[in-house]
Amino acid sequence: SQHREYGRARLEIEDRDSSLLAGLSSSSQVWMSHGDT
């Protein structure tokens, strides 16, 4: 990653029909913790 991605981020859902993301709000808070992408 150009900048280590660690901490809170906002998830923007691109596929509203995804079964995995069903019911999540449009800008859900998620936790990142990785040095690669």
Full PDB file with SEQRES, HELIX, SHEET, SSBOND, CRYST1, ORIGX, SCALE, CONECT and MASTER records, all heavy atoms in Angstrom:
SEQRES   1 A   37  SER GLN HIS ARG GLU TYR GLY ARG ALA ARG LEU GLU ILE          
SEQRES   2 A   37  GLU ASP ARG ASP SER SER LEU LEU ALA GLY LEU SER SER          
SEQRES   3 A   37  SER SER GLN VAL TRP MET SER HIS GLY ASP THR                  
SHEET    1 AA1 2 GLU A   5  GLU A  12  0                                        
SHEET    2 AA1 2 SER A  27  HIS A  34 -1                                        
CRYST1    1.000    1.000    1.000  90.00  90.00  90.00 P 1           1          
ORIGX1      1.000000  0.000000  0.000000        0.00000                         
ORIGX2      0.000000  1.000000  0.000000        0.00000                         
ORIGX3      0.000000  0.000000  1.000000        0.00000                         
SCALE1      1.000000  0.000000  0.000000        0.00000                         
SCALE2      0.000000  1.000000  0.000000        0.00000                         
SCALE3      0.000000  0.000000  1.000000        0.00000                         
ATOM      1  N   SER A   1       0.849  -1.197   0.000  1.00  0.00           N  
ATOM      2  CA  SER A   1       0.000   0.000   0.000  1.00  0.00           C  
ATOM      3  C   SER A   1       0.883   1.246   0.000  1.00  0.00           C  
ATOM      4  O   SER A   1       1.953   1.260   0.617  1.00  0.00           O  
ATOM      5  CB  SER A   1      -0.899   0.017   1.240  1.00  0.00           C  
ATOM      6  OG  SER A   1      -1.657  -1.168   1.323  1.00  0.00           O  
ATOM      7  N   GLN A   2       0.441   2.295  -0.722  1.00  0.00           N  
ATOM      8  CA  GLN A   2       1.198   3.544  -0.703  1.00  0.00           C  
ATOM      9  C   GLN A   2       1.253   4.132   0.695  1.00  0.00           C  
ATOM     10  O   GLN A   2       2.262   4.694   1.114  1.00  0.00           O  
ATOM     11  CB  GLN A   2       0.581   4.551  -1.681  1.00  0.00           C  
ATOM     12  CG  GLN A   2       0.767   4.154  -3.142  1.00  0.00           C  
ATOM     13  CD  GLN A   2       0.261   5.225  -4.083  1.00  0.00           C  
ATOM     14  OE1 GLN A   2      -0.610   6.019  -3.727  1.00  0.00           O  
ATOM     15  NE2 GLN A   2       0.803   5.242  -5.292  1.00  0.00           N  
ATOM     16  N   HIS A   3       0.158   3.988   1.414  1.00  0.00           N  
ATOM     17  CA  HIS A   3       0.107   4.365   2.826  1.00  0.00           C  
ATOM     18  C   HIS A   3      -0.490   3.177   3.567  1.00  0.00           C  
ATOM     19  O   HIS A   3      -1.522   2.642   3.151  1.00  0.00           O  
ATOM     20  CB  HIS A   3      -0.758   5.607   3.045  1.00  0.00           C  
ATOM     21  CG  HIS A   3      -0.324   6.789   2.251  1.00  0.00           C  
ATOM     22  ND1 HIS A   3       0.808   7.509   2.552  1.00  0.00           N  
ATOM     23  CD2 HIS A   3      -0.849   7.359   1.139  1.00  0.00           C  
ATOM     24  CE1 HIS A   3       0.956   8.484   1.671  1.00  0.00           C  
ATOM     25  NE2 HIS A   3      -0.046   8.415   0.793  1.00  0.00           N  
ATOM     26  N   ARG A   4       0.148   2.763   4.663  1.00  0.00           N  
ATOM     27  CA  ARG A   4      -0.365   1.606   5.398  1.00  0.00           C  
ATOM     28  C   ARG A   4      -1.800   1.869   5.829  1.00  0.00           C  
ATOM     29  O   ARG A   4      -2.088   2.891   6.437  1.00  0.00           O  
ATOM     30  CB  ARG A   4       0.509   1.321   6.627  1.00  0.00           C  
ATOM     31  CG  ARG A   4       0.134  -0.001   7.282  1.00  0.00           C  
ATOM     32  CD  ARG A   4       1.152  -0.409   8.335  1.00  0.00           C  
ATOM     33  NE  ARG A   4       0.839  -1.751   8.846  1.00  0.00           N  
ATOM     34  CZ  ARG A   4       0.023  -1.978   9.847  1.00  0.00           C  
ATOM     35  NH1 ARG A   4      -0.557  -0.969  10.463  1.00  0.00           N  
ATOM     36  NH2 ARG A   4      -0.218  -3.208  10.259  1.00  0.00           N  
ATOM     37  N   GLU A   5      -2.680   0.941   5.477  1.00  0.00           N  
ATOM     38  CA  GLU A   5      -4.108   1.136   5.733  1.00  0.00           C  
ATOM     39  C   GLU A   5      -4.466   0.515   7.079  1.00  0.00           C  
ATOM     40  O   GLU A   5      -4.577  -0.701   7.202  1.00  0.00           O  
ATOM     41  CB  GLU A   5      -4.922   0.528   4.586  1.00  0.00           C  
ATOM     42  CG  GLU A   5      -4.785   1.350   3.316  1.00  0.00           C  
ATOM     43  CD  GLU A   5      -4.805   0.517   2.040  1.00  0.00           C  
ATOM     44  OE1 GLU A   5      -4.820  -0.716   2.130  1.00  0.00           O  
ATOM     45  OE2 GLU A   5      -4.796   1.114   0.958  1.00  0.00           O  
ATOM     46  N   TYR A   6      -4.600   1.362   8.079  1.00  0.00           N  
ATOM     47  CA  TYR A   6      -4.867   0.888   9.427  1.00  0.00           C  
ATOM     48  C   TYR A   6      -5.855   1.829  10.089  1.00  0.00           C  
ATOM     49  O   TYR A   6      -5.637   3.034  10.148  1.00  0.00           O  
ATOM     50  CB  TYR A   6      -3.572   0.840  10.249  1.00  0.00           C  
ATOM     51  CG  TYR A   6      -3.765   0.286  11.635  1.00  0.00           C  
ATOM     52  CD1 TYR A   6      -3.695  -1.086  11.878  1.00  0.00           C  
ATOM     53  CD2 TYR A   6      -4.031   1.122  12.705  1.00  0.00           C  
ATOM     54  CE1 TYR A   6      -3.890  -1.611  13.148  1.00  0.00           C  
ATOM     55  CE2 TYR A   6      -4.224   0.608  13.986  1.00  0.00           C  
ATOM     56  CZ  TYR A   6      -4.148  -0.752  14.195  1.00  0.00           C  
ATOM     57  OH  TYR A   6      -4.348  -1.251  15.449  1.00  0.00           O  
ATOM     58  N   GLY A   7      -6.947   1.267  10.560  1.00  0.00           N  
ATOM     59  CA  GLY A   7      -7.933   2.075  11.276  1.00  0.00           C  
ATOM     60  C   GLY A   7      -9.278   2.086  10.570  1.00  0.00           C  
ATOM     61  O   GLY A   7      -9.567   1.279   9.683  1.00  0.00           O  
ATOM     62  N   ARG A   8     -10.089   3.036  10.968  1.00  0.00           N  
ATOM     63  CA  ARG A   8     -11.468   3.118  10.458  1.00  0.00           C  
ATOM     64  C   ARG A   8     -11.509   3.619   9.015  1.00  0.00           C  
ATOM     65  O   ARG A   8     -10.720   4.472   8.630  1.00  0.00           O  
ATOM     66  CB  ARG A   8     -12.306   4.030  11.352  1.00  0.00           C  
ATOM     67  CG  ARG A   8     -12.504   3.480  12.761  1.00  0.00           C  
ATOM     68  CD  ARG A   8     -13.163   4.513  13.664  1.00  0.00           C  
ATOM     69  NE  ARG A   8     -13.418   3.977  14.996  1.00  0.00           N  
ATOM     70  CZ  ARG A   8     -12.518   3.911  15.963  1.00  0.00           C  
ATOM     71  NH1 ARG A   8     -11.285   4.363  15.735  1.00  0.00           N  
ATOM     72  NH2 ARG A   8     -12.821   3.413  17.147  1.00  0.00           N  
ATOM     73  N   ALA A   9     -12.447   3.074   8.253  1.00  0.00           N  
ATOM     74  CA  ALA A   9     -12.669   3.517   6.879  1.00  0.00           C  
ATOM     75  C   ALA A   9     -14.161   3.389   6.580  1.00  0.00           C  
ATOM     76  O   ALA A   9     -14.902   2.713   7.306  1.00  0.00           O  
ATOM     77  CB  ALA A   9     -11.849   2.677   5.903  1.00  0.00           C  
ATOM     78  N   ARG A  10     -14.600   4.043   5.510  1.00  0.00           N  
ATOM     79  CA  ARG A  10     -16.005   3.992   5.103  1.00  0.00           C  
ATOM     80  C   ARG A  10     -16.151   3.102   3.879  1.00  0.00           C  
ATOM     81  O   ARG A  10     -15.499   3.320   2.855  1.00  0.00           O  
ATOM     82  CB  ARG A  10     -16.529   5.401   4.797  1.00  0.00           C  
ATOM     83  CG  ARG A  10     -16.669   6.282   6.023  1.00  0.00           C  
ATOM     84  CD  ARG A  10     -17.798   5.798   6.910  1.00  0.00           C  
ATOM     85  NE  ARG A  10     -17.808   6.453   8.222  1.00  0.00           N  
ATOM     86  CZ  ARG A  10     -18.646   6.150   9.199  1.00  0.00           C  
ATOM     87  NH1 ARG A  10     -19.545   5.186   9.005  1.00  0.00           N  
ATOM     88  NH2 ARG A  10     -18.585   6.763  10.357  1.00  0.00           N  
ATOM     89  N   LEU A  11     -17.018   2.107   4.002  1.00  0.00           N  
ATOM     90  CA  LEU A  11     -17.212   1.150   2.918  1.00  0.00           C  
ATOM     91  C   LEU A  11     -18.302   1.648   1.986  1.00  0.00           C  
ATOM     92  O   LEU A  11     -19.448   1.843   2.394  1.00  0.00           O  
ATOM     93  CB  LEU A  11     -17.611  -0.209   3.509  1.00  0.00           C  
ATOM     94  CG  LEU A  11     -17.612  -1.395   2.548  1.00  0.00           C  
ATOM     95  CD1 LEU A  11     -16.176  -1.756   2.168  1.00  0.00           C  
ATOM     96  CD2 LEU A  11     -18.298  -2.601   3.188  1.00  0.00           C  
ATOM     97  N   GLU A  12     -17.958   1.859   0.727  1.00  0.00           N  
ATOM     98  CA  GLU A  12     -18.921   2.274  -0.291  1.00  0.00           C  
ATOM     99  C   GLU A  12     -19.332   1.039  -1.092  1.00  0.00           C  
ATOM    100  O   GLU A  12     -18.523   0.445  -1.801  1.00  0.00           O  
ATOM    101  CB  GLU A  12     -18.322   3.339  -1.211  1.00  0.00           C  
ATOM    102  CG  GLU A  12     -17.868   4.604  -0.480  1.00  0.00           C  
ATOM    103  CD  GLU A  12     -19.025   5.330   0.232  1.00  0.00           C  
ATOM    104  OE1 GLU A  12     -20.190   5.175  -0.224  1.00  0.00           O  
ATOM    105  OE2 GLU A  12     -18.768   6.012   1.232  1.00  0.00           O  
ATOM    106  N   ILE A  13     -20.593   0.660  -0.976  1.00  0.00           N  
ATOM    107  CA  ILE A  13     -21.070  -0.562  -1.628  1.00  0.00           C  
ATOM    108  C   ILE A  13     -21.367  -0.279  -3.105  1.00  0.00           C  
ATOM    109  O   ILE A  13     -22.128   0.629  -3.436  1.00  0.00           O  
ATOM    110  CB  ILE A  13     -22.322  -1.096  -0.919  1.00  0.00           C  
ATOM    111  CG1 ILE A  13     -21.961  -1.462   0.532  1.00  0.00           C  
ATOM    112  CG2 ILE A  13     -22.894  -2.312  -1.654  1.00  0.00           C  
ATOM    113  CD1 ILE A  13     -23.140  -1.860   1.378  1.00  0.00           C  
ATOM    114  N   GLU A  14     -20.766  -1.060  -3.984  1.00  0.00           N  
ATOM    115  CA  GLU A  14     -20.946  -0.873  -5.416  1.00  0.00           C  
ATOM    116  C   GLU A  14     -21.978  -1.839  -5.997  1.00  0.00           C  
ATOM    117  O   GLU A  14     -22.585  -1.549  -7.019  1.00  0.00           O  
ATOM    118  CB  GLU A  14     -19.607  -1.046  -6.143  1.00  0.00           C  
ATOM    119  CG  GLU A  14     -18.563  -0.010  -5.712  1.00  0.00           C  
ATOM    120  CD  GLU A  14     -17.347  -0.011  -6.610  1.00  0.00           C  
ATOM    121  OE1 GLU A  14     -17.416  -0.600  -7.716  1.00  0.00           O  
ATOM    122  OE2 GLU A  14     -16.329   0.583  -6.223  1.00  0.00           O  
ATOM    123  N   ASP A  15     -22.138  -2.989  -5.350  1.00  0.00           N  
ATOM    124  CA  ASP A  15     -23.108  -3.975  -5.835  1.00  0.00           C  
ATOM    125  C   ASP A  15     -24.184  -4.161  -4.771  1.00  0.00           C  
ATOM    126  O   ASP A  15     -24.023  -4.915  -3.815  1.00  0.00           O  
ATOM    127  CB  ASP A  15     -22.406  -5.304  -6.125  1.00  0.00           C  
ATOM    128  CG  ASP A  15     -23.360  -6.347  -6.696  1.00  0.00           C  
ATOM    129  OD1 ASP A  15     -24.568  -6.060  -6.790  1.00  0.00           O  
ATOM    130  OD2 ASP A  15     -22.891  -7.460  -7.028  1.00  0.00           O  
ATOM    131  N   ARG A  16     -25.303  -3.443  -4.965  1.00  0.00           N  
ATOM    132  CA  ARG A  16     -26.384  -3.480  -3.984  1.00  0.00           C  
ATOM    133  C   ARG A  16     -27.110  -4.826  -3.970  1.00  0.00           C  
ATOM    134  O   ARG A  16     -27.874  -5.125  -3.057  1.00  0.00           O  
ATOM    135  CB  ARG A  16     -27.381  -2.359  -4.279  1.00  0.00           C  
ATOM    136  CG  ARG A  16     -27.000  -1.036  -3.663  1.00  0.00           C  
ATOM    137  CD  ARG A  16     -27.227  -1.100  -2.163  1.00  0.00           C  
ATOM    138  NE  ARG A  16     -26.461  -0.118  -1.431  1.00  0.00           N  
ATOM    139  CZ  ARG A  16     -26.245  -0.157  -0.137  1.00  0.00           C  
ATOM    140  NH1 ARG A  16     -26.717  -1.184   0.564  1.00  0.00           N  
ATOM    141  NH2 ARG A  16     -25.554   0.752   0.483  1.00  0.00           N  
ATOM    142  N   ASP A  17     -26.856  -5.661  -4.963  1.00  0.00           N  
ATOM    143  CA  ASP A  17     -27.489  -6.978  -5.012  1.00  0.00           C  
ATOM    144  C   ASP A  17     -26.625  -8.065  -4.362  1.00  0.00           C  
ATOM    145  O   ASP A  17     -27.004  -9.237  -4.347  1.00  0.00           O  
ATOM    146  CB  ASP A  17     -27.769  -7.382  -6.469  1.00  0.00           C  
ATOM    147  CG  ASP A  17     -28.797  -6.467  -7.125  1.00  0.00           C  
ATOM    148  OD1 ASP A  17     -29.714  -6.030  -6.392  1.00  0.00           O  
ATOM    149  OD2 ASP A  17     -28.673  -6.195  -8.328  1.00  0.00           O  
ATOM    150  N   SER A  18     -25.463  -7.669  -3.839  1.00  0.00           N  
ATOM    151  CA  SER A  18     -24.558  -8.647  -3.244  1.00  0.00           C  
ATOM    152  C   SER A  18     -25.168  -9.274  -1.996  1.00  0.00           C  
ATOM    153  O   SER A  18     -25.572  -8.573  -1.066  1.00  0.00           O  
ATOM    154  CB  SER A  18     -23.226  -7.983  -2.881  1.00  0.00           C  
ATOM    155  OG  SER A  18     -22.435  -8.844  -2.086  1.00  0.00           O  
ATOM    156  N   SER A  19     -25.207 -10.596  -1.948  1.00  0.00           N  
ATOM    157  CA  SER A  19     -25.721 -11.299  -0.768  1.00  0.00           C  
ATOM    158  C   SER A  19     -24.828 -11.075   0.445  1.00  0.00           C  
ATOM    159  O   SER A  19     -25.308 -11.052   1.583  1.00  0.00           O  
ATOM    160  CB  SER A  19     -25.819 -12.807  -1.050  1.00  0.00           C  
ATOM    161  OG  SER A  19     -26.690 -13.062  -2.127  1.00  0.00           O  
ATOM    162  N   LEU A  20     -23.533 -10.895   0.224  1.00  0.00           N  
ATOM    163  CA  LEU A  20     -22.612 -10.699   1.341  1.00  0.00           C  
ATOM    164  C   LEU A  20     -22.845  -9.368   2.040  1.00  0.00           C  
ATOM    165  O   LEU A  20     -22.673  -9.257   3.264  1.00  0.00           O  
ATOM    166  CB  LEU A  20     -21.160 -10.773   0.843  1.00  0.00           C  
ATOM    167  CG  LEU A  20     -20.080 -10.673   1.918  1.00  0.00           C  
ATOM    168  CD1 LEU A  20     -20.116 -11.906   2.818  1.00  0.00           C  
ATOM    169  CD2 LEU A  20     -18.698 -10.508   1.299  1.00  0.00           C  
ATOM    170  N   LEU A  21     -23.250  -8.359   1.276  1.00  0.00           N  
ATOM    171  CA  LEU A  21     -23.377  -7.010   1.831  1.00  0.00           C  
ATOM    172  C   LEU A  21     -24.832  -6.601   2.070  1.00  0.00           C  
ATOM    173  O   LEU A  21     -25.110  -5.433   2.356  1.00  0.00           O  
ATOM    174  CB  LEU A  21     -22.705  -6.006   0.882  1.00  0.00           C  
ATOM    175  CG  LEU A  21     -21.236  -6.313   0.531  1.00  0.00           C  
ATOM    176  CD1 LEU A  21     -20.698  -5.287  -0.459  1.00  0.00           C  
ATOM    177  CD2 LEU A  21     -20.372  -6.357   1.787  1.00  0.00           C  
ATOM    178  N   ALA A  22     -25.745  -7.529   1.991  1.00  0.00           N  
ATOM    179  CA  ALA A  22     -27.169  -7.222   2.172  1.00  0.00           C  
ATOM    180  C   ALA A  22     -27.421  -6.620   3.551  1.00  0.00           C  
ATOM    181  O   ALA A  22     -26.915  -7.089   4.561  1.00  0.00           O  
ATOM    182  CB  ALA A  22     -28.002  -8.498   2.011  1.00  0.00           C  
ATOM    183  N   GLY A  23     -28.173  -5.538   3.566  1.00  0.00           N  
ATOM    184  CA  GLY A  23     -28.549  -4.907   4.823  1.00  0.00           C  
ATOM    185  C   GLY A  23     -27.541  -3.939   5.381  1.00  0.00           C  
ATOM    186  O   GLY A  23     -27.801  -3.273   6.396  1.00  0.00           O  
ATOM    187  N   LEU A  24     -26.357  -3.821   4.767  1.00  0.00           N  
ATOM    188  CA  LEU A  24     -25.370  -2.853   5.245  1.00  0.00           C  
ATOM    189  C   LEU A  24     -25.735  -1.456   4.753  1.00  0.00           C  
ATOM    190  O   LEU A  24     -26.275  -1.285   3.650  1.00  0.00           O  
ATOM    191  CB  LEU A  24     -23.967  -3.214   4.751  1.00  0.00           C  
ATOM    192  CG  LEU A  24     -23.151  -4.154   5.670  1.00  0.00           C  
ATOM    193  CD1 LEU A  24     -23.796  -5.526   5.777  1.00  0.00           C  
ATOM    194  CD2 LEU A  24     -21.716  -4.258   5.177  1.00  0.00           C  
ATOM    195  N   SER A  25     -25.449  -0.459   5.555  1.00  0.00           N  
ATOM    196  CA  SER A  25     -25.752   0.924   5.174  1.00  0.00           C  
ATOM    197  C   SER A  25     -24.826   1.379   4.055  1.00  0.00           C  
ATOM    198  O   SER A  25     -23.783   0.770   3.797  1.00  0.00           O  
ATOM    199  CB  SER A  25     -25.626   1.845   6.383  1.00  0.00           C  
ATOM    200  OG  SER A  25     -24.346   1.743   6.965  1.00  0.00           O  
ATOM    201  N   SER A  26     -25.189   2.456   3.407  1.00  0.00           N  
ATOM    202  CA  SER A  26     -24.481   2.893   2.195  1.00  0.00           C  
ATOM    203  C   SER A  26     -23.051   3.322   2.468  1.00  0.00           C  
ATOM    204  O   SER A  26     -22.216   3.300   1.581  1.00  0.00           O  
ATOM    205  CB  SER A  26     -25.248   4.039   1.526  1.00  0.00           C  
ATOM    206  OG  SER A  26     -25.401   5.107   2.433  1.00  0.00           O  
ATOM    207  N   SER A  27     -22.736   3.727   3.687  1.00  0.00           N  
ATOM    208  CA  SER A  27     -21.379   4.138   4.021  1.00  0.00           C  
ATOM    209  C   SER A  27     -21.021   3.554   5.380  1.00  0.00           C  
ATOM    210  O   SER A  27     -20.883   4.242   6.383  1.00  0.00           O  
ATOM    211  CB  SER A  27     -21.274   5.670   4.046  1.00  0.00           C  
ATOM    212  OG  SER A  27     -19.942   6.082   4.218  1.00  0.00           O  
ATOM    213  N   SER A  28     -20.852   2.238   5.388  1.00  0.00           N  
ATOM    214  CA  SER A  28     -20.649   1.510   6.644  1.00  0.00           C  
ATOM    215  C   SER A  28     -19.209   1.650   7.130  1.00  0.00           C  
ATOM    216  O   SER A  28     -18.262   1.605   6.336  1.00  0.00           O  
ATOM    217  CB  SER A  28     -20.979   0.029   6.428  1.00  0.00           C  
ATOM    218  OG  SER A  28     -20.879  -0.685   7.621  1.00  0.00           O  
ATOM    219  N   GLN A  29     -19.033   1.802   8.454  1.00  0.00           N  
ATOM    220  CA  GLN A  29     -17.685   1.900   9.012  1.00  0.00           C  
ATOM    221  C   GLN A  29     -17.068   0.515   9.143  1.00  0.00           C  
ATOM    222  O   GLN A  29     -17.671  -0.394   9.695  1.00  0.00           O  
ATOM    223  CB  GLN A  29     -17.722   2.566  10.386  1.00  0.00           C  
ATOM    224  CG  GLN A  29     -16.346   2.630  11.072  1.00  0.00           C  
ATOM    225  CD  GLN A  29     -16.410   3.267  12.438  1.00  0.00           C  
ATOM    226  OE1 GLN A  29     -16.650   4.458  12.560  1.00  0.00           O  
ATOM    227  NE2 GLN A  29     -16.191   2.471  13.477  1.00  0.00           N  
ATOM    228  N   VAL A  30     -15.841   0.373   8.610  1.00  0.00           N  
ATOM    229  CA  VAL A  30     -15.114  -0.897   8.714  1.00  0.00           C  
ATOM    230  C   VAL A  30     -13.714  -0.634   9.267  1.00  0.00           C  
ATOM    231  O   VAL A  30     -13.240   0.506   9.281  1.00  0.00           O  
ATOM    232  CB  VAL A  30     -15.024  -1.611   7.348  1.00  0.00           C  
ATOM    233  CG1 VAL A  30     -16.405  -2.005   6.863  1.00  0.00           C  
ATOM    234  CG2 VAL A  30     -14.313  -0.738   6.310  1.00  0.00           C  
ATOM    235  N   TRP A  31     -13.049  -1.701   9.684  1.00  0.00           N  
ATOM    236  CA  TRP A  31     -11.718  -1.595  10.276  1.00  0.00           C  
ATOM    237  C   TRP A  31     -10.687  -2.224   9.351  1.00  0.00           C  
ATOM    238  O   TRP A  31     -10.764  -3.385   9.007  1.00  0.00           O  
ATOM    239  CB  TRP A  31     -11.687  -2.303  11.632  1.00  0.00           C  
ATOM    240  CG  TRP A  31     -10.374  -2.182  12.351  1.00  0.00           C  
ATOM    241  CD1 TRP A  31      -9.381  -3.116  12.414  1.00  0.00           C  
ATOM    242  CD2 TRP A  31      -9.899  -1.055  13.100  1.00  0.00           C  
ATOM    243  NE1 TRP A  31      -8.326  -2.656  13.153  1.00  0.00           N  
ATOM    244  CE2 TRP A  31      -8.619  -1.386  13.601  1.00  0.00           C  
ATOM    245  CE3 TRP A  31     -10.449   0.198  13.402  1.00  0.00           C  
ATOM    246  CZ2 TRP A  31      -7.869  -0.505  14.388  1.00  0.00           C  
ATOM    247  CZ3 TRP A  31      -9.700   1.070  14.190  1.00  0.00           C  
ATOM    248  CH2 TRP A  31      -8.425   0.724  14.669  1.00  0.00           C  
ATOM    249  N   MET A  32      -9.724  -1.398   8.915  1.00  0.00           N  
ATOM    250  CA  MET A  32      -8.643  -1.850   8.039  1.00  0.00           C  
ATOM    251  C   MET A  32      -7.388  -2.114   8.871  1.00  0.00           C  
ATOM    252  O   MET A  32      -7.117  -1.420   9.854  1.00  0.00           O  
ATOM    253  CB  MET A  32      -8.311  -0.774   7.000  1.00  0.00           C  
ATOM    254  CG  MET A  32      -9.418  -0.506   5.992  1.00  0.00           C  
ATOM    255  SD  MET A  32      -9.455  -1.827   4.770  1.00  0.00           S  
ATOM    256  CE  MET A  32     -10.654  -1.151   3.605  1.00  0.00           C  
ATOM    257  N   SER A  33      -6.614  -3.133   8.468  1.00  0.00           N  
ATOM    258  CA  SER A  33      -5.346  -3.407   9.130  1.00  0.00           C  
ATOM    259  C   SER A  33      -4.461  -4.225   8.193  1.00  0.00           C  
ATOM    260  O   SER A  33      -4.344  -5.428   8.307  1.00  0.00           O  
ATOM    261  CB  SER A  33      -5.571  -4.170  10.442  1.00  0.00           C  
ATOM    262  OG  SER A  33      -4.341  -4.444  11.074  1.00  0.00           O  
ATOM    263  N   HIS A  34      -3.846  -3.546   7.229  1.00  0.00           N  
ATOM    264  CA  HIS A  34      -2.993  -4.265   6.281  1.00  0.00           C  
ATOM    265  C   HIS A  34      -1.987  -3.328   5.630  1.00  0.00           C  
ATOM    266  O   HIS A  34      -2.218  -2.131   5.495  1.00  0.00           O  
ATOM    267  CB  HIS A  34      -3.836  -4.973   5.208  1.00  0.00           C  
ATOM    268  CG  HIS A  34      -4.760  -4.069   4.439  1.00  0.00           C  
ATOM    269  ND1 HIS A  34      -4.419  -3.504   3.254  1.00  0.00           N  
ATOM    270  CD2 HIS A  34      -6.019  -3.650   4.717  1.00  0.00           C  
ATOM    271  CE1 HIS A  34      -5.433  -2.759   2.802  1.00  0.00           C  
ATOM    272  NE2 HIS A  34      -6.416  -2.837   3.685  1.00  0.00           N  
ATOM    273  N   GLY A  35      -0.841  -3.906   5.258  1.00  0.00           N  
ATOM    274  CA  GLY A  35       0.213  -3.143   4.593  1.00  0.00           C  
ATOM    275  C   GLY A  35       0.248  -3.348   3.093  1.00  0.00           C  
ATOM    276  O   GLY A  35       0.929  -2.620   2.381  1.00  0.00           O  
ATOM    277  N   ASP A  36      -0.484  -4.372   2.603  1.00  0.00           N  
ATOM    278  CA  ASP A  36      -0.595  -4.637   1.168  1.00  0.00           C  
ATOM    279  C   ASP A  36      -2.011  -4.316   0.714  1.00  0.00           C  
ATOM    280  O   ASP A  36      -2.923  -4.183   1.533  1.00  0.00           O  
ATOM    281  CB  ASP A  36      -0.306  -6.114   0.859  1.00  0.00           C  
ATOM    282  CG  ASP A  36       1.140  -6.490   1.106  1.00  0.00           C  
ATOM    283  OD1 ASP A  36       1.991  -5.583   1.118  1.00  0.00           O  
ATOM    284  OD2 ASP A  36       1.409  -7.688   1.311  1.00  0.00           O  
ATOM    285  N   THR A  37      -2.178  -4.239  -0.607  1.00  0.00           N  
ATOM    286  CA  THR A  37      -3.521  -4.062  -1.135  1.00  0.00           C  
ATOM    287  C   THR A  37      -3.631  -4.746  -2.496  1.00  0.00           C  
ATOM    288  O   THR A  37      -2.627  -4.905  -3.211  1.00  0.00           O  
ATOM    289  CB  THR A  37      -3.876  -2.567  -1.255  1.00  0.00           C  
ATOM    290  OG1 THR A  37      -5.275  -2.435  -1.463  1.00  0.00           O  
ATOM    291  CG2 THR A  37      -3.129  -1.895  -2.399  1.00  0.00           C  
TER     292      THR A  37                                                      
MASTER        0    0    0    0    2    0    0    6  291    1    0    3          
END                                                                             
